[in-house]
Amino acid sequence: MVDSAFFTRDNKGRFIPTPMAYSLWGPDALNGPAVCAVAAYAVETDHGREGWRPARFTIELFKSARRLPTTVRTYVQRSGGRILVAGFDVLQHDDETEILVAKGVTVFLVEGVDPPGARWSRPDGERTFFPPDVPEDDDDPRFGGPDGWSTSMEGQQEAHRHRLWSKALPLVPDADLTPFQRAVITAESTSLMTNWGEGGIGFINCDLTVALARLPEGLRVGVEADTHLSADGIAVGTATLYDRRGAIGTGTVTAVENARAMIDFTRTPRTHLWST
């Protein structure tokens, strides 16, 4: 259904935003997950290879994407025996004008066997992310805090450690997401999880880096805030990404204050997860 995907396609093959791609930051803005979704889809479709894993996705969100037809241009920056670096440009089209709204790279690494020898990793006893017991195909996201899991964002608007357990929206209707696309779309909520506080969201992220040791299993991906650092209106946030089996990678964002358009979820009802 159109109302359950970020985009539709027009007769030129361009992506046309649906209301699910709209943002609360402004009346004509698109949300970050939608922009990440179209970029991840394009770069994986154009450059994915059997036996190679998309291990890092970095996008620079330097101009607000609008409710305009959208395309993605991809290109190879380096191709070697164990690494492929593919660049991408997210473009929007206003009449005859082409507008560059975001760009980035995806690094594909060849799969192999881990080298011998033990290495440190976080002990199982220190794990703090345990997904709620909900069906994989349940569309409602769950927001976690000290009092457990809830579908209510209003009840989680506090200065505590935030967690999310979510099934990503599809890019277009009737098209399944790949595990890589699910991870990238959900990882954009690193900004939401790390910058969300008592007053709502007052920082807007200008980038996203997703690093994946493995791809998620199942339809849902979790995001758990690890750090929020801010000074002089600039913030850095990091999160760990999960599936039901455990940690799969990390998300990192930098953000700038946007208090004049601050999103207060106690006053602005959430119509869907991708409201920021």
Foldseek 3Di string as FASTA:
>chain_A
DFVQAQFAADPVRWTAGDPVQDALLDPFFGFDLLQLLQALVVCCVVDPDPQKAQFKWKKFQAATDGRFTKDKDKDWPDDDDFKTKMKMWIWGDDPPDIDTRMITITIIGGDDDDDDDDDDDDDPVPDDDADDPDDLPDQQKWKQFPVGTDSAPLVVQAATKIKIKHQDGHNHPPDDDDLSSRQRSVLVCQQVRQQRHNQGHFWDWRMKMKGWPDGADTRIKMWTWDDWDDDPFKIKTKTFMAHNVGTTTMMITITGGRNVSGDGCNVPPDPHDRHD
